[in-house]
Every structure is written in structure tokens, then in C-alpha cells.
Amino acid sequence: MFVLLAGLSVAAAAFVSRSGWTLYYGDAEAHLNIARRILDSRTPGYDQIGTSWLPLPHLLALAFVRDDRLWRSGLAGAIPSSACFVLAGLYHRPRQPPHWDCWR
């Protein structure tokens, strides 16, 4: 299941990146810029998170926005999103159905 989800995630990220759609939506660029401001601004630090959005996407992208190539291409946001897709897919895997024999 992990290999299937990871392959699907990598294929989708590669397709979107090659098509030039990674930063197509304006909020995507804004999220990356907020993460980048935490590390690289006149006043870097945690205070740069103070926006109307929840901070988790910005914190997850911190490790990737350091690389200028990933930041400019938008892959700095696609990588953590892809990883979260795989984790969510693994968490929501089909479970064994409950035993209804007790109702007989």
C-alpha cells in the first residue's frame, strides 16, 4: 500500500511540476513565502508565522524552503504535501470489519 501511495504521489507531483502548475494558485506562493520568511527575512523567527492561516504547512515546508531551487519551483510545498498524502492514505487503510456475530 505504501509503494502504491508513494508512487501515485510522486507521479502527481512530477506531472504538476512539469506542467508548471505548482504555483498556479496564488495561495501556494504565499504559503511558501511565509515559510521562507521564518528563515530568511530582515527579522527571521517564529513571529513571521503570524498570519490568518494555520502554521502546520509552513512548519512542514521549513526544511525545504532553504533550498532556493525548491522554493522557486514550488516543490518545497509539494514534497511535504505528498508525504502527508501518503501518511493519510496509510492511516485510512481498510480495516477488518467488525464481528457482527454477537447479534445472532
C-alpha atoms as a PDB file:
ATOM      1  CA  MET A   1       0.000   0.000   0.000  1.00  0.00           C
ATOM      2  CA  PHE A   2       2.863   2.367   0.856  1.00  0.00           C
ATOM      3  CA  VAL A   3       4.537   1.827  -2.520  1.00  0.00           C
ATOM      4  CA  LEU A   4       1.273   2.460  -4.363  1.00  0.00           C
ATOM      5  CA  LEU A   5       0.545   5.676  -2.473  1.00  0.00           C
ATOM      6  CA  ALA A   6       4.123   6.922  -2.763  1.00  0.00           C
ATOM      7  CA  GLY A   7       4.205   6.181  -6.494  1.00  0.00           C
ATOM      8  CA  LEU A   8       0.905   7.969  -7.043  1.00  0.00           C
ATOM      9  CA  SER A   9       2.109  10.940  -5.019  1.00  0.00           C
ATOM     10  CA  VAL A  10       5.439  11.208  -6.864  1.00  0.00           C
ATOM     11  CA  ALA A  11       3.706  10.872 -10.233  1.00  0.00           C
ATOM     12  CA  ALA A  12       1.206  13.611  -9.381  1.00  0.00           C
ATOM     13  CA  ALA A  13       3.902  15.962  -8.072  1.00  0.00           C
ATOM     14  CA  ALA A  14       6.062  15.349 -11.149  1.00  0.00           C
ATOM     15  CA  PHE A  15       3.128  15.953 -13.515  1.00  0.00           C
ATOM     16  CA  VAL A  16       2.133  19.187 -11.798  1.00  0.00           C
ATOM     17  CA  SER A  17       5.728  20.381 -11.665  1.00  0.00           C
ATOM     18  CA  ARG A  18       6.412  19.621 -15.331  1.00  0.00           C
ATOM     19  CA  SER A  19       3.189  21.348 -16.333  1.00  0.00           C
ATOM     20  CA  GLY A  20       4.206  24.466 -14.410  1.00  0.00           C
ATOM     21  CA  TRP A  21       1.159  24.349 -12.163  1.00  0.00           C
ATOM     22  CA  THR A  22       2.938  24.053  -8.810  1.00  0.00           C
ATOM     23  CA  LEU A  23       2.481  27.747  -8.032  1.00  0.00           C
ATOM     24  CA  TYR A  24      -0.619  28.210 -10.194  1.00  0.00           C
ATOM     25  CA  TYR A  25      -2.799  29.065  -7.201  1.00  0.00           C
ATOM     26  CA  GLY A  26      -1.723  32.330  -5.532  1.00  0.00           C
ATOM     27  CA  ASP A  27      -2.052  30.979  -2.005  1.00  0.00           C
ATOM     28  CA  ALA A  28       0.577  28.336  -2.747  1.00  0.00           C
ATOM     29  CA  GLU A  29       3.185  31.017  -3.309  1.00  0.00           C
ATOM     30  CA  ALA A  30       2.020  32.900  -0.214  1.00  0.00           C
ATOM     31  CA  HIS A  31       2.413  29.790   1.969  1.00  0.00           C
ATOM     32  CA  LEU A  32       5.943  29.222   0.679  1.00  0.00           C
ATOM     33  CA  ASN A  33       6.848  32.860   1.235  1.00  0.00           C
ATOM     34  CA  ILE A  34       5.644  32.706   4.831  1.00  0.00           C
ATOM     35  CA  ALA A  35       7.784  29.626   5.441  1.00  0.00           C
ATOM     36  CA  ARG A  36      10.728  31.343   3.777  1.00  0.00           C
ATOM     37  CA  ARG A  37      10.283  34.496   5.903  1.00  0.00           C
ATOM     38  CA  ILE A  38      10.710  32.409   9.051  1.00  0.00           C
ATOM     39  CA  LEU A  39      14.251  31.607   7.918  1.00  0.00           C
ATOM     40  CA  ASP A  40      15.215  34.427   5.588  1.00  0.00           C
ATOM     41  CA  SER A  41      13.964  37.952   6.245  1.00  0.00           C
ATOM     42  CA  ARG A  42      15.008  41.141   7.992  1.00  0.00           C
ATOM     43  CA  THR A  43      13.547  39.788  11.209  1.00  0.00           C
ATOM     44  CA  PRO A  44      13.582  35.982  10.901  1.00  0.00           C
ATOM     45  CA  GLY A  45      11.933  33.891  13.547  1.00  0.00           C
ATOM     46  CA  TYR A  46       8.717  32.393  14.782  1.00  0.00           C
ATOM     47  CA  ASP A  47       6.963  35.797  14.719  1.00  0.00           C
ATOM     48  CA  GLN A  48       6.773  35.545  10.926  1.00  0.00           C
ATOM     49  CA  ILE A  49       4.141  32.798  11.219  1.00  0.00           C
ATOM     50  CA  GLY A  50       1.565  35.310  12.478  1.00  0.00           C
ATOM     51  CA  THR A  51      -0.977  35.111   9.658  1.00  0.00           C
ATOM     52  CA  SER A  52      -4.567  34.035   9.301  1.00  0.00           C
ATOM     53  CA  TRP A  53      -3.535  30.546   8.144  1.00  0.00           C
ATOM     54  CA  LEU A  54      -2.770  27.635  10.412  1.00  0.00           C
ATOM     55  CA  PRO A  55       1.006  27.215  10.849  1.00  0.00           C
ATOM     56  CA  LEU A  56       1.394  23.495  10.096  1.00  0.00           C
ATOM     57  CA  PRO A  57       2.002  23.773   6.314  1.00  0.00           C
ATOM     58  CA  HIS A  58       4.570  26.498   6.921  1.00  0.00           C
ATOM     59  CA  LEU A  59       6.370  24.460   9.557  1.00  0.00           C
ATOM     60  CA  LEU A  60       6.423  21.357   7.344  1.00  0.00           C
ATOM     61  CA  ALA A  61       7.872  23.347   4.440  1.00  0.00           C
ATOM     62  CA  LEU A  62      10.677  24.845   6.565  1.00  0.00           C
ATOM     63  CA  ALA A  63      13.096  22.046   5.764  1.00  0.00           C
ATOM     64  CA  PHE A  64      12.614  22.540   2.021  1.00  0.00           C
ATOM     65  CA  VAL A  65      12.390  26.324   1.581  1.00  0.00           C
ATOM     66  CA  ARG A  66      16.076  26.620   2.483  1.00  0.00           C
ATOM     67  CA  ASP A  67      16.869  25.254  -0.972  1.00  0.00           C
ATOM     68  CA  ASP A  68      16.297  28.144  -3.361  1.00  0.00           C
ATOM     69  CA  ARG A  69      15.571  25.847  -6.303  1.00  0.00           C
ATOM     70  CA  LEU A  70      12.810  24.026  -4.417  1.00  0.00           C
ATOM     71  CA  TRP A  71      11.368  27.300  -3.146  1.00  0.00           C
ATOM     72  CA  ARG A  72      11.233  28.957  -6.577  1.00  0.00           C
ATOM     73  CA  SER A  73       9.762  25.909  -8.307  1.00  0.00           C
ATOM     74  CA  GLY A  74       7.144  25.288  -5.619  1.00  0.00           C
ATOM     75  CA  LEU A  75       8.391  21.789  -4.845  1.00  0.00           C
ATOM     76  CA  ALA A  76       9.172  22.951  -1.307  1.00  0.00           C
ATOM     77  CA  GLY A  77       5.421  22.823  -0.711  1.00  0.00           C
ATOM     78  CA  ALA A  78       4.686  19.797  -2.872  1.00  0.00           C
ATOM     79  CA  ILE A  79       7.101  17.496  -1.026  1.00  0.00           C
ATOM     80  CA  PRO A  80       5.510  17.799   2.440  1.00  0.00           C
ATOM     81  CA  SER A  81       2.037  17.670   0.881  1.00  0.00           C
ATOM     82  CA  SER A  82       2.950  14.447  -0.901  1.00  0.00           C
ATOM     83  CA  ALA A  83       4.294  12.944   2.313  1.00  0.00           C
ATOM     84  CA  CYS A  84       1.091  13.883   4.145  1.00  0.00           C
ATOM     85  CA  PHE A  85      -0.957  12.273   1.365  1.00  0.00           C
ATOM     86  CA  VAL A  86       0.937   9.002   1.834  1.00  0.00           C
ATOM     87  CA  LEU A  87       0.566   9.115   5.639  1.00  0.00           C
ATOM     88  CA  ALA A  88      -3.156   9.869   5.394  1.00  0.00           C
ATOM     89  CA  GLY A  89      -3.613   7.019   2.925  1.00  0.00           C
ATOM     90  CA  LEU A  90      -1.830   4.609   5.232  1.00  0.00           C
ATOM     91  CA  TYR A  91      -3.872   5.759   8.204  1.00  0.00           C
ATOM     92  CA  HIS A  92      -7.158   5.308   6.373  1.00  0.00           C
ATOM     93  CA  ARG A  93      -6.374   1.858   5.052  1.00  0.00           C
ATOM     94  CA  PRO A  94      -9.234  -0.621   5.106  1.00  0.00           C
ATOM     95  CA  ARG A  95      -9.530  -2.255   8.462  1.00  0.00           C
ATOM     96  CA  GLN A  96     -11.017  -5.607   9.382  1.00  0.00           C
ATOM     97  CA  PRO A  97     -14.803  -5.264   9.548  1.00  0.00           C
ATOM     98  CA  PRO A  98     -16.366  -5.637  12.980  1.00  0.00           C
ATOM     99  CA  HIS A  99     -17.698  -9.025  14.008  1.00  0.00           C
ATOM    100  CA  TRP A 100     -21.469  -8.912  13.936  1.00  0.00           C
ATOM    101  CA  ASP A 101     -21.797 -12.475  15.241  1.00  0.00           C
ATOM    102  CA  CYS A 102     -22.690 -11.145  18.664  1.00  0.00           C
ATOM    103  CA  TRP A 103     -26.086 -10.027  17.344  1.00  0.00           C
ATOM    104  CA  ARG A 104     -27.240 -13.528  16.453  1.00  0.00           C
END
